Amino acid sequence: MRSVRTLLLGIAALVGLWIGWGAYVTRTTERVPSETLETFDDIEIRRYPRTVRAETTAPDAATAFRRLFRYISGDNTRSEDMAMTAPVTVRGTSIPMTAPVRTGSDGDDVTMAFSLPRAYTAETAPEPTDPDVRLVVDPPRTVAVRRFSWYATDERVDRERTRLLEGLSRRAIERRDEPTLLQYNDPWTPPFMRTNEVEVELEAVSESARH
């Protein structure tokens, strides 16, 4: 009986540590800044400012991630460590990694990018020493997002993408590209504490379309 109780206490302690880790990472990870313009039908219209990213194209996501992680860990001209920011942006492939990543398909390759902390500009960000890593500047952009929790399985992502596009269609809001997946947590965050979003960049949103 005592061994069962000890086992249960041990499991409870591990669950507590798991939840605590998830809360700590969520609280301390810097997010790319944004402004909420409007919400409707569980959809948020959001504006992002100009953003600096470190980007690479590689044969697979794991190789791309390692290159970019080395860059923010000091593989740059100033040997400077930089914090990671959220969210992870996924285009065309699934990557079980930590924030922040943007990925996209380029033929059979994967293009991935880390958003740099807001303190950096294109002029102040350290240059990569790896020739396969480059700095890219995203102009300000307006997006629509729909949030959901738990693990971002293909089924959940497809369902939320459909709901996002249907909501925009009802408002006659036009999009510029295909929806992407945003993930805000590292792989060890408990599923019930995870935050995911589907996002799509928008054309100019008129006042008549928004109401």
Protein backbone atom coordinates (compact mmCIF):
# COMPACT_ATOMS: atom_id res chain seq x y z
CA MET A 1 0.00 0.00 0.00
CA ARG A 2 2.81 2.37 0.91
CA SER A 3 4.58 1.70 -2.42
CA VAL A 4 1.39 2.56 -4.35
CA ARG A 5 1.00 5.78 -2.41
CA THR A 6 4.66 6.65 -3.06
CA LEU A 7 4.17 5.95 -6.76
CA LEU A 8 1.06 8.16 -6.91
CA LEU A 9 2.86 10.98 -5.11
CA GLY A 10 5.75 10.67 -7.53
CA ILE A 11 3.42 10.84 -10.53
CA ALA A 12 1.65 13.88 -9.04
CA ALA A 13 5.00 15.62 -8.52
CA LEU A 14 6.03 14.94 -12.12
CA VAL A 15 2.70 16.26 -13.43
CA GLY A 16 3.15 19.36 -11.29
CA LEU A 17 6.63 19.92 -12.72
CA TRP A 18 5.28 19.38 -16.24
CA ILE A 19 2.57 22.00 -15.74
CA GLY A 20 5.02 24.36 -14.07
CA TRP A 21 7.43 24.04 -16.99
CA GLY A 22 4.66 24.81 -19.46
CA ALA A 23 3.61 27.89 -17.50
CA TYR A 24 7.20 29.12 -17.17
CA VAL A 25 8.01 28.79 -20.88
CA THR A 26 4.73 30.43 -21.89
CA ARG A 27 5.32 33.34 -19.54
CA THR A 28 8.96 33.96 -20.41
CA THR A 29 8.97 33.47 -24.20
CA GLU A 30 8.85 36.78 -26.07
CA ARG A 31 6.12 37.02 -28.68
CA VAL A 32 6.22 38.89 -31.95
CA PRO A 33 4.27 42.11 -31.17
CA SER A 34 0.90 42.65 -32.83
CA GLU A 35 -2.24 44.81 -32.63
CA THR A 36 -5.76 43.40 -32.59
CA LEU A 37 -7.95 45.34 -35.03
CA GLU A 38 -11.20 43.38 -34.72
CA THR A 39 -12.68 40.06 -33.60
CA PHE A 40 -15.70 38.17 -34.98
CA ASP A 41 -16.81 34.51 -35.19
CA ASP A 42 -13.77 33.43 -33.10
CA ILE A 43 -11.53 35.12 -35.69
CA GLU A 44 -9.07 37.89 -34.85
CA ILE A 45 -7.92 40.47 -37.39
CA ARG A 46 -4.37 41.30 -36.38
CA ARG A 47 -1.69 43.76 -37.55
CA TYR A 48 2.02 42.89 -37.34
CA PRO A 49 4.76 45.53 -37.57
CA ARG A 50 7.92 45.29 -39.63
CA THR A 51 9.76 42.15 -38.47
CA VAL A 52 13.33 40.92 -38.92
CA ARG A 53 13.86 37.19 -39.49
CA ALA A 54 16.78 34.83 -39.87
CA GLU A 55 15.97 32.47 -42.72
CA THR A 56 17.45 29.40 -44.39
CA THR A 57 16.51 26.83 -47.02
CA ALA A 58 17.51 23.22 -46.37
CA PRO A 59 16.65 19.69 -47.54
CA ASP A 60 14.61 19.09 -44.38
CA ALA A 61 13.18 20.91 -41.36
CA ALA A 62 15.64 19.44 -38.87
CA THR A 63 18.66 20.73 -40.82
CA ALA A 64 17.07 24.16 -41.21
CA PHE A 65 16.27 24.33 -37.50
CA ARG A 66 19.81 23.44 -36.48
CA ARG A 67 21.27 26.16 -38.71
CA LEU A 68 18.97 28.83 -37.30
CA PHE A 69 19.39 27.68 -33.71
CA ARG A 70 23.16 27.91 -34.11
CA TYR A 71 22.73 31.45 -35.44
CA ILE A 72 20.77 32.69 -32.40
CA SER A 73 23.13 30.72 -30.10
CA GLY A 74 26.19 32.69 -31.22
CA ASP A 75 27.03 31.53 -34.74
CA ASN A 76 27.07 35.14 -35.93
CA THR A 77 29.59 37.92 -36.46
CA ARG A 78 29.24 39.17 -32.88
CA SER A 79 29.09 35.73 -31.20
CA GLU A 80 25.87 37.02 -29.65
CA ASP A 81 23.15 34.91 -28.05
CA MET A 82 19.58 35.93 -28.92
CA ALA A 83 16.34 34.88 -27.30
CA MET A 84 13.78 32.85 -29.20
CA THR A 85 10.37 34.39 -29.84
CA ALA A 86 6.92 32.95 -30.53
CA PRO A 87 5.02 31.81 -32.52
CA VAL A 88 6.28 28.99 -34.68
CA THR A 89 4.96 29.48 -38.22
CA VAL A 90 4.57 26.34 -40.31
CA ARG A 91 4.00 26.30 -44.04
CA GLY A 92 3.75 23.05 -45.94
CA THR A 93 5.37 20.78 -43.35
CA SER A 94 5.13 19.74 -39.71
CA ILE A 95 8.04 20.52 -37.39
CA PRO A 96 8.03 19.32 -33.75
CA MET A 97 10.29 22.10 -32.49
CA THR A 98 10.36 25.19 -30.31
CA ALA A 99 9.41 28.74 -31.21
CA PRO A 100 9.95 30.76 -33.29
CA VAL A 101 9.99 29.21 -36.72
CA ARG A 102 8.48 30.02 -40.08
CA THR A 103 8.70 27.28 -42.68
CA GLY A 104 7.63 26.95 -46.27
CA SER A 105 8.07 24.53 -49.12
CA ASP A 106 10.52 25.45 -51.88
CA GLY A 107 10.37 22.53 -54.28
CA ASP A 108 11.65 19.56 -52.30
CA ASP A 109 13.41 21.85 -49.80
CA VAL A 110 12.15 23.56 -46.65
CA THR A 111 12.47 27.29 -46.01
CA MET A 112 12.45 28.19 -42.33
CA ALA A 113 12.84 31.43 -40.39
CA PHE A 114 13.20 32.59 -36.79
CA SER A 115 11.69 35.97 -35.94
CA LEU A 116 14.26 38.00 -34.02
CA PRO A 117 13.42 39.83 -30.77
CA ARG A 118 11.88 43.27 -31.28
CA ALA A 119 15.06 44.98 -30.05
CA TYR A 120 16.76 44.09 -33.34
CA THR A 121 16.45 45.91 -36.65
CA ALA A 122 17.90 44.96 -40.02
CA GLU A 123 20.78 47.31 -39.21
CA THR A 124 21.50 46.08 -35.68
CA ALA A 125 20.97 42.31 -36.04
CA PRO A 126 24.29 40.41 -36.15
CA GLU A 127 25.15 38.94 -39.52
CA PRO A 128 25.12 35.12 -39.78
CA THR A 129 28.48 33.43 -40.23
CA ASP A 130 26.82 30.50 -42.01
CA PRO A 131 26.40 31.49 -45.70
CA ASP A 132 23.20 29.42 -45.83
CA VAL A 133 21.52 31.69 -43.26
CA ARG A 134 20.27 35.11 -44.32
CA LEU A 135 18.47 38.05 -42.70
CA VAL A 136 15.07 38.97 -44.16
CA VAL A 137 12.75 41.89 -43.36
CA ASP A 138 8.97 41.31 -43.36
CA PRO A 139 6.98 44.52 -44.07
CA PRO A 140 3.97 45.34 -41.89
CA ARG A 141 1.08 43.00 -42.65
CA THR A 142 -2.54 42.33 -41.69
CA VAL A 143 -3.67 38.78 -40.96
CA ALA A 144 -6.69 36.84 -39.76
CA VAL A 145 -6.19 34.14 -37.11
CA ARG A 146 -8.32 31.53 -35.40
CA ARG A 147 -7.04 30.05 -32.12
CA PHE A 148 -7.32 26.49 -30.84
CA SER A 149 -5.71 24.35 -28.14
CA TRP A 150 -4.30 20.85 -27.66
CA TYR A 151 -1.97 19.19 -30.19
CA ALA A 152 -2.05 20.57 -33.73
CA THR A 153 -3.00 17.36 -35.52
CA ASP A 154 -3.73 17.41 -39.25
CA GLU A 155 -7.42 16.91 -38.55
CA ARG A 156 -7.62 19.83 -36.09
CA VAL A 157 -5.61 22.12 -38.34
CA ASP A 158 -7.76 21.32 -41.38
CA ARG A 159 -10.94 21.92 -39.38
CA GLU A 160 -9.75 25.30 -38.07
CA ARG A 161 -8.50 26.37 -41.50
CA THR A 162 -11.93 25.63 -42.97
CA ARG A 163 -13.67 27.62 -40.23
CA LEU A 164 -11.27 30.51 -40.70
CA LEU A 165 -11.81 30.70 -44.46
CA GLU A 166 -15.58 30.33 -44.12
CA GLY A 167 -15.67 33.19 -41.60
CA LEU A 168 -13.67 35.46 -43.90
CA SER A 169 -15.87 34.52 -46.87
CA ARG A 170 -19.00 35.55 -44.97
CA ARG A 171 -17.44 38.99 -44.44
CA ALA A 172 -16.17 39.19 -48.05
CA ILE A 173 -12.61 39.61 -46.75
CA GLU A 174 -10.05 38.55 -49.33
CA ARG A 175 -6.84 36.71 -48.48
CA ARG A 176 -3.43 36.91 -50.12
CA ASP A 177 -2.20 33.35 -49.63
CA GLU A 178 -2.95 29.98 -48.07
CA PRO A 179 -3.46 29.60 -44.29
CA THR A 180 -0.47 28.74 -42.12
CA LEU A 181 -0.13 27.15 -38.68
CA LEU A 182 1.20 29.11 -35.70
CA GLN A 183 2.44 27.23 -32.60
CA TYR A 184 3.39 29.06 -29.42
CA ASN A 185 4.80 26.33 -27.18
CA ASP A 186 7.80 24.06 -26.98
CA PRO A 187 7.28 20.30 -27.44
CA TRP A 188 7.21 19.62 -23.67
CA THR A 189 4.28 21.93 -22.85
CA PRO A 190 1.20 19.95 -21.65
CA PRO A 191 -1.38 19.65 -24.44
CA PHE A 192 -4.13 21.40 -22.46
CA MET A 193 -1.82 24.44 -22.04
CA ARG A 194 -0.85 24.68 -25.70
CA THR A 195 -1.84 27.58 -27.95
CA ASN A 196 -2.12 27.15 -31.71
CA GLU A 197 -3.54 29.39 -34.41
CA VAL A 198 -4.28 29.17 -38.10
CA GLU A 199 -3.33 32.40 -39.87
CA VAL A 200 -3.79 33.86 -43.32
CA GLU A 201 -2.49 37.17 -44.67
CA LEU A 202 -5.19 39.53 -45.91
CA GLU A 203 -5.64 42.01 -48.68
CA ALA A 204 -6.57 45.52 -47.56
CA VAL A 205 -9.65 45.21 -45.32
CA SER A 206 -12.27 47.84 -46.07
CA GLU A 207 -14.61 49.21 -43.40
CA SER A 208 -17.65 47.90 -45.31
CA ALA A 209 -16.22 44.38 -45.36
CA ARG A 210 -15.46 44.46 -41.66
CA HIS A 211 -19.01 45.27 -40.57
